[in-house]
Amino acid sequence: MPQYASLGQDSRAMTYYRDRMESWLGDTLEGLQERRKEWYAGMEADLQEVTERVAVHGFYTPAFSVADTFITGDLTGLRLLEDIQLPPELTAYFARVEAAAHISLLPTGG
């Protein structure tokens, strides 16, 4: 998440974010980065459930809903991790949600 300019370029926000995440997750951001594949592997079963639902419905439910904004908002960070390849169905799901919400969830240079 430090790739987002509003967080990564604001030292106070970054300090707050770092402290919150390290306290919550019990590790440094660097430690979490080193173990990203391990963390991802622990999520794969849950991600598979989401993947199966969106493959059937297009969205988490048959129509675009607030559930989709929460899910994609929470999972967008996975898209930013090096060496992590999301299933194509999830990648397409992110694109559908972004199109429906008229917003990109990915960081921009500004």
N, C-alpha and C. Protein backbone atom coordinates (compact mmCIF):
# COMPACT_ATOMS: atom_id res chain seq x y z
N MET A 1 0.80 -1.20 0.00
CA MET A 1 0.00 0.00 0.00
C MET A 1 0.85 1.28 0.00
N PRO A 2 2.10 1.21 0.43
CA PRO A 2 2.93 2.42 0.33
C PRO A 2 3.11 2.92 -1.09
N GLN A 3 2.72 2.12 -2.09
CA GLN A 3 2.82 2.56 -3.48
C GLN A 3 1.80 3.66 -3.82
N TYR A 4 0.77 3.80 -2.99
CA TYR A 4 -0.21 4.86 -3.20
C TYR A 4 0.40 6.18 -2.76
N ALA A 5 0.41 7.16 -3.65
CA ALA A 5 1.05 8.45 -3.36
C ALA A 5 0.50 9.10 -2.10
N SER A 6 -0.80 9.00 -1.88
CA SER A 6 -1.39 9.64 -0.71
C SER A 6 -0.88 9.05 0.60
N LEU A 7 -0.36 7.85 0.56
CA LEU A 7 0.19 7.22 1.75
C LEU A 7 1.71 7.25 1.72
N GLY A 8 2.30 6.73 0.67
CA GLY A 8 3.74 6.58 0.60
C GLY A 8 4.52 7.88 0.57
N GLN A 9 3.92 8.95 0.10
CA GLN A 9 4.62 10.23 0.02
C GLN A 9 4.32 11.14 1.21
N ASP A 10 3.50 10.70 2.12
CA ASP A 10 3.17 11.47 3.32
C ASP A 10 3.80 10.76 4.52
N SER A 11 4.85 11.34 5.06
CA SER A 11 5.61 10.65 6.11
C SER A 11 4.76 10.37 7.36
N ARG A 12 3.88 11.28 7.72
CA ARG A 12 3.02 11.04 8.89
C ARG A 12 2.05 9.90 8.63
N ALA A 13 1.44 9.90 7.45
CA ALA A 13 0.50 8.82 7.10
C ALA A 13 1.23 7.49 7.03
N MET A 14 2.43 7.49 6.47
CA MET A 14 3.20 6.26 6.34
C MET A 14 3.60 5.73 7.72
N THR A 15 3.98 6.61 8.63
CA THR A 15 4.34 6.19 9.99
C THR A 15 3.13 5.58 10.67
N TYR A 16 1.98 6.21 10.54
CA TYR A 16 0.75 5.68 11.14
C TYR A 16 0.41 4.31 10.54
N TYR A 17 0.47 4.22 9.21
CA TYR A 17 0.16 2.97 8.52
C TYR A 17 1.11 1.87 8.96
N ARG A 18 2.39 2.17 8.98
CA ARG A 18 3.40 1.17 9.37
C ARG A 18 3.12 0.68 10.78
N ASP A 19 2.91 1.59 11.72
CA ASP A 19 2.65 1.21 13.11
C ASP A 19 1.40 0.35 13.23
N ARG A 20 0.33 0.74 12.55
CA ARG A 20 -0.93 -0.02 12.60
C ARG A 20 -0.76 -1.42 12.02
N MET A 21 -0.16 -1.52 10.85
CA MET A 21 -0.01 -2.82 10.19
C MET A 21 0.93 -3.73 10.97
N GLU A 22 2.03 -3.18 11.45
CA GLU A 22 2.99 -4.00 12.19
C GLU A 22 2.39 -4.49 13.51
N SER A 23 1.61 -3.63 14.15
CA SER A 23 0.94 -4.03 15.40
C SER A 23 -0.12 -5.09 15.12
N TRP A 24 -0.91 -4.87 14.10
CA TRP A 24 -2.01 -5.78 13.75
C TRP A 24 -1.49 -7.13 13.27
N LEU A 25 -0.48 -7.11 12.40
CA LEU A 25 -0.01 -8.34 11.78
C LEU A 25 1.17 -8.98 12.50
N GLY A 26 1.73 -8.28 13.47
CA GLY A 26 2.80 -8.85 14.28
C GLY A 26 4.12 -9.03 13.56
N ASP A 27 4.39 -8.18 12.58
CA ASP A 27 5.64 -8.26 11.84
C ASP A 27 5.91 -6.91 11.21
N THR A 28 7.15 -6.69 10.78
CA THR A 28 7.48 -5.46 10.07
C THR A 28 6.96 -5.54 8.64
N LEU A 29 6.82 -4.41 8.00
CA LEU A 29 6.39 -4.42 6.60
C LEU A 29 7.41 -5.16 5.73
N GLU A 30 8.68 -5.01 6.08
CA GLU A 30 9.71 -5.72 5.33
C GLU A 30 9.60 -7.24 5.54
N GLY A 31 9.31 -7.65 6.77
CA GLY A 31 9.12 -9.07 7.06
C GLY A 31 7.92 -9.63 6.32
N LEU A 32 6.85 -8.85 6.29
CA LEU A 32 5.67 -9.27 5.55
C LEU A 32 5.97 -9.40 4.06
N GLN A 33 6.74 -8.47 3.54
CA GLN A 33 7.12 -8.50 2.13
C GLN A 33 7.92 -9.77 1.83
N GLU A 34 8.82 -10.13 2.73
CA GLU A 34 9.64 -11.33 2.53
C GLU A 34 8.80 -12.60 2.53
N ARG A 35 7.71 -12.59 3.27
CA ARG A 35 6.86 -13.79 3.39
C ARG A 35 5.56 -13.68 2.61
N ARG A 36 5.52 -12.83 1.59
CA ARG A 36 4.29 -12.60 0.84
C ARG A 36 3.74 -13.88 0.22
N LYS A 37 4.62 -14.74 -0.28
CA LYS A 37 4.14 -15.97 -0.91
C LYS A 37 3.51 -16.90 0.14
N GLU A 38 4.09 -16.94 1.31
CA GLU A 38 3.53 -17.75 2.40
C GLU A 38 2.15 -17.23 2.80
N TRP A 39 2.02 -15.92 2.94
CA TRP A 39 0.73 -15.32 3.29
C TRP A 39 -0.29 -15.60 2.19
N TYR A 40 0.13 -15.44 0.95
CA TYR A 40 -0.78 -15.67 -0.17
C TYR A 40 -1.24 -17.13 -0.20
N ALA A 41 -0.33 -18.06 0.03
CA ALA A 41 -0.69 -19.48 0.03
C ALA A 41 -1.75 -19.76 1.09
N GLY A 42 -1.68 -19.06 2.21
CA GLY A 42 -2.67 -19.23 3.26
C GLY A 42 -4.04 -18.69 2.89
N MET A 43 -4.09 -17.84 1.87
CA MET A 43 -5.36 -17.25 1.43
C MET A 43 -5.96 -17.97 0.23
N GLU A 44 -5.22 -18.86 -0.38
CA GLU A 44 -5.66 -19.43 -1.65
C GLU A 44 -7.02 -20.13 -1.60
N ALA A 45 -7.33 -20.82 -0.52
CA ALA A 45 -8.64 -21.49 -0.43
C ALA A 45 -9.76 -20.46 -0.43
N ASP A 46 -9.60 -19.39 0.34
CA ASP A 46 -10.62 -18.34 0.37
C ASP A 46 -10.72 -17.63 -0.97
N LEU A 47 -9.59 -17.39 -1.60
CA LEU A 47 -9.60 -16.76 -2.92
C LEU A 47 -10.27 -17.65 -3.96
N GLN A 48 -10.11 -18.94 -3.82
CA GLN A 48 -10.75 -19.87 -4.74
C GLN A 48 -12.27 -19.77 -4.65
N GLU A 49 -12.79 -19.60 -3.45
CA GLU A 49 -14.24 -19.43 -3.28
C GLU A 49 -14.73 -18.18 -3.98
N VAL A 50 -14.00 -17.08 -3.81
CA VAL A 50 -14.37 -15.83 -4.47
C VAL A 50 -14.28 -16.02 -5.98
N THR A 51 -13.20 -16.64 -6.43
CA THR A 51 -12.99 -16.87 -7.87
C THR A 51 -14.14 -17.67 -8.47
N GLU A 52 -14.57 -18.71 -7.80
CA GLU A 52 -15.67 -19.53 -8.30
C GLU A 52 -16.97 -18.73 -8.39
N ARG A 53 -17.24 -17.91 -7.37
CA ARG A 53 -18.48 -17.10 -7.39
C ARG A 53 -18.48 -16.10 -8.53
N VAL A 54 -17.35 -15.40 -8.69
CA VAL A 54 -17.33 -14.37 -9.73
C VAL A 54 -17.27 -14.98 -11.12
N ALA A 55 -16.77 -16.20 -11.24
CA ALA A 55 -16.79 -16.88 -12.54
C ALA A 55 -18.22 -17.21 -12.95
N VAL A 56 -19.08 -17.47 -11.97
CA VAL A 56 -20.48 -17.81 -12.24
C VAL A 56 -21.32 -16.54 -12.45
N HIS A 57 -21.17 -15.58 -11.55
CA HIS A 57 -22.05 -14.40 -11.54
C HIS A 57 -21.48 -13.17 -12.25
N GLY A 58 -20.18 -13.11 -12.41
CA GLY A 58 -19.57 -11.88 -12.92
C GLY A 58 -19.16 -10.96 -11.79
N PHE A 59 -20.00 -10.94 -10.78
CA PHE A 59 -19.73 -10.20 -9.54
C PHE A 59 -19.89 -11.19 -8.39
N TYR A 60 -19.71 -10.73 -7.16
CA TYR A 60 -19.83 -11.66 -6.04
C TYR A 60 -21.25 -12.21 -5.91
N THR A 61 -22.22 -11.37 -6.22
CA THR A 61 -23.62 -11.78 -6.31
C THR A 61 -24.03 -11.57 -7.77
N PRO A 62 -25.23 -11.95 -8.16
CA PRO A 62 -25.59 -11.80 -9.57
C PRO A 62 -25.53 -10.36 -10.12
N ALA A 63 -25.56 -9.37 -9.25
CA ALA A 63 -25.47 -7.98 -9.70
C ALA A 63 -24.38 -7.26 -8.91
N PHE A 64 -23.77 -6.26 -9.52
CA PHE A 64 -22.78 -5.43 -8.85
C PHE A 64 -23.36 -4.90 -7.55
N SER A 65 -22.61 -5.03 -6.45
CA SER A 65 -23.11 -4.59 -5.15
C SER A 65 -21.98 -4.05 -4.29
N VAL A 66 -22.34 -3.54 -3.14
CA VAL A 66 -21.34 -3.03 -2.21
C VAL A 66 -20.37 -4.13 -1.79
N ALA A 67 -20.80 -5.38 -1.81
CA ALA A 67 -19.89 -6.49 -1.50
C ALA A 67 -18.69 -6.48 -2.43
N ASP A 68 -18.92 -6.18 -3.69
CA ASP A 68 -17.82 -6.14 -4.66
C ASP A 68 -16.83 -5.03 -4.34
N THR A 69 -17.32 -3.88 -3.88
CA THR A 69 -16.41 -2.79 -3.55
C THR A 69 -15.56 -3.14 -2.32
N PHE A 70 -16.14 -3.82 -1.37
CA PHE A 70 -15.37 -4.23 -0.19
C PHE A 70 -14.34 -5.30 -0.56
N ILE A 71 -14.77 -6.29 -1.30
CA ILE A 71 -13.87 -7.40 -1.65
C ILE A 71 -12.70 -6.90 -2.49
N THR A 72 -12.99 -6.16 -3.54
CA THR A 72 -11.90 -5.69 -4.39
C THR A 72 -11.02 -4.67 -3.68
N GLY A 73 -11.63 -3.85 -2.84
CA GLY A 73 -10.82 -2.91 -2.06
C GLY A 73 -9.85 -3.63 -1.15
N ASP A 74 -10.34 -4.66 -0.48
CA ASP A 74 -9.48 -5.44 0.43
C ASP A 74 -8.43 -6.24 -0.32
N LEU A 75 -8.76 -6.76 -1.48
CA LEU A 75 -7.85 -7.65 -2.19
C LEU A 75 -6.95 -6.96 -3.21
N THR A 76 -7.18 -5.69 -3.47
CA THR A 76 -6.37 -4.99 -4.46
C THR A 76 -4.88 -5.03 -4.13
N GLY A 77 -4.53 -5.00 -2.87
CA GLY A 77 -3.12 -5.07 -2.50
C GLY A 77 -2.42 -6.29 -3.06
N LEU A 78 -3.15 -7.37 -3.25
CA LEU A 78 -2.55 -8.58 -3.83
C LEU A 78 -2.05 -8.32 -5.25
N ARG A 79 -2.71 -7.41 -5.93
CA ARG A 79 -2.32 -7.09 -7.30
C ARG A 79 -0.98 -6.36 -7.36
N LEU A 80 -0.57 -5.81 -6.24
CA LEU A 80 0.66 -5.02 -6.19
C LEU A 80 1.88 -5.83 -5.76
N LEU A 81 1.66 -7.07 -5.38
CA LEU A 81 2.76 -7.90 -4.88
C LEU A 81 3.54 -8.52 -6.03
N GLU A 82 4.85 -8.38 -5.95
CA GLU A 82 5.70 -9.02 -6.94
C GLU A 82 5.61 -10.53 -6.77
N ASP A 83 5.73 -11.24 -7.83
CA ASP A 83 5.77 -12.71 -7.83
C ASP A 83 4.46 -13.36 -7.40
N ILE A 84 3.38 -12.61 -7.37
CA ILE A 84 2.07 -13.19 -7.06
C ILE A 84 1.21 -13.06 -8.31
N GLN A 85 0.74 -14.18 -8.79
CA GLN A 85 -0.09 -14.20 -9.99
C GLN A 85 -1.51 -14.58 -9.58
N LEU A 86 -2.43 -13.65 -9.70
CA LEU A 86 -3.82 -13.94 -9.38
C LEU A 86 -4.45 -14.74 -10.51
N PRO A 87 -5.47 -15.56 -10.18
CA PRO A 87 -6.18 -16.28 -11.23
C PRO A 87 -6.79 -15.29 -12.23
N PRO A 88 -6.82 -15.65 -13.51
CA PRO A 88 -7.37 -14.75 -14.53
C PRO A 88 -8.81 -14.31 -14.22
N GLU A 89 -9.59 -15.19 -13.59
CA GLU A 89 -10.98 -14.83 -13.24
C GLU A 89 -11.01 -13.67 -12.25
N LEU A 90 -10.05 -13.64 -11.32
CA LEU A 90 -10.01 -12.53 -10.36
C LEU A 90 -9.55 -11.25 -11.04
N THR A 91 -8.59 -11.37 -11.94
CA THR A 91 -8.13 -10.19 -12.67
C THR A 91 -9.28 -9.59 -13.47
N ALA A 92 -10.06 -10.43 -14.12
CA ALA A 92 -11.22 -9.95 -14.87
C ALA A 92 -12.27 -9.35 -13.94
N TYR A 93 -12.43 -9.94 -12.77
CA TYR A 93 -13.37 -9.44 -11.76
C TYR A 93 -12.98 -8.03 -11.33
N PHE A 94 -11.71 -7.81 -11.05
CA PHE A 94 -11.26 -6.46 -10.68
C PHE A 94 -11.60 -5.47 -11.78
N ALA A 95 -11.37 -5.85 -13.02
CA ALA A 95 -11.67 -4.96 -14.15
C ALA A 95 -13.17 -4.66 -14.22
N ARG A 96 -14.02 -5.66 -14.00
CA ARG A 96 -15.47 -5.43 -14.04
C ARG A 96 -15.90 -4.49 -12.93
N VAL A 97 -15.37 -4.68 -11.73
CA VAL A 97 -15.74 -3.82 -10.60
C VAL A 97 -15.26 -2.39 -10.85
N GLU A 98 -14.03 -2.25 -11.32
CA GLU A 98 -13.52 -0.90 -11.61
C GLU A 98 -14.37 -0.21 -12.67
N ALA A 99 -14.78 -0.95 -13.69
CA ALA A 99 -15.63 -0.36 -14.73
C ALA A 99 -17.00 0.02 -14.17
N ALA A 100 -17.58 -0.85 -13.36
CA ALA A 100 -18.89 -0.56 -12.78
C ALA A 100 -18.85 0.62 -11.83
N ALA A 101 -17.73 0.77 -11.10
CA ALA A 101 -17.60 1.86 -10.12
C ALA A 101 -16.97 3.10 -10.73
N HIS A 102 -16.52 3.02 -11.98
CA HIS A 102 -15.87 4.14 -12.67
C HIS A 102 -14.66 4.66 -11.90
N ILE A 103 -13.81 3.70 -11.44
CA ILE A 103 -12.61 4.09 -10.70
C ILE A 103 -11.56 3.00 -10.83
N SER A 104 -10.31 3.40 -10.77
CA SER A 104 -9.22 2.44 -10.72
C SER A 104 -8.81 2.28 -9.26
N LEU A 105 -8.60 1.05 -8.85
CA LEU A 105 -8.15 0.78 -7.49
C LEU A 105 -6.64 0.75 -7.38
N LEU A 106 -5.95 0.85 -8.49
CA LEU A 106 -4.50 0.80 -8.49
C LEU A 106 -3.91 2.18 -8.25
N PRO A 107 -2.71 2.23 -7.69
CA PRO A 107 -2.07 3.53 -7.43
C PRO A 107 -1.71 4.23 -8.73
N THR A 108 -1.71 5.54 -8.68
CA THR A 108 -1.30 6.36 -9.82
C THR A 108 -0.08 7.17 -9.40
N GLY A 109 0.59 7.73 -10.35
CA GLY A 109 1.79 8.52 -10.05
C GLY A 109 1.53 9.78 -9.26
N GLY A 110 0.30 10.29 -9.26
CA GLY A 110 0.00 11.57 -8.63
C GLY A 110 -0.45 11.43 -7.26
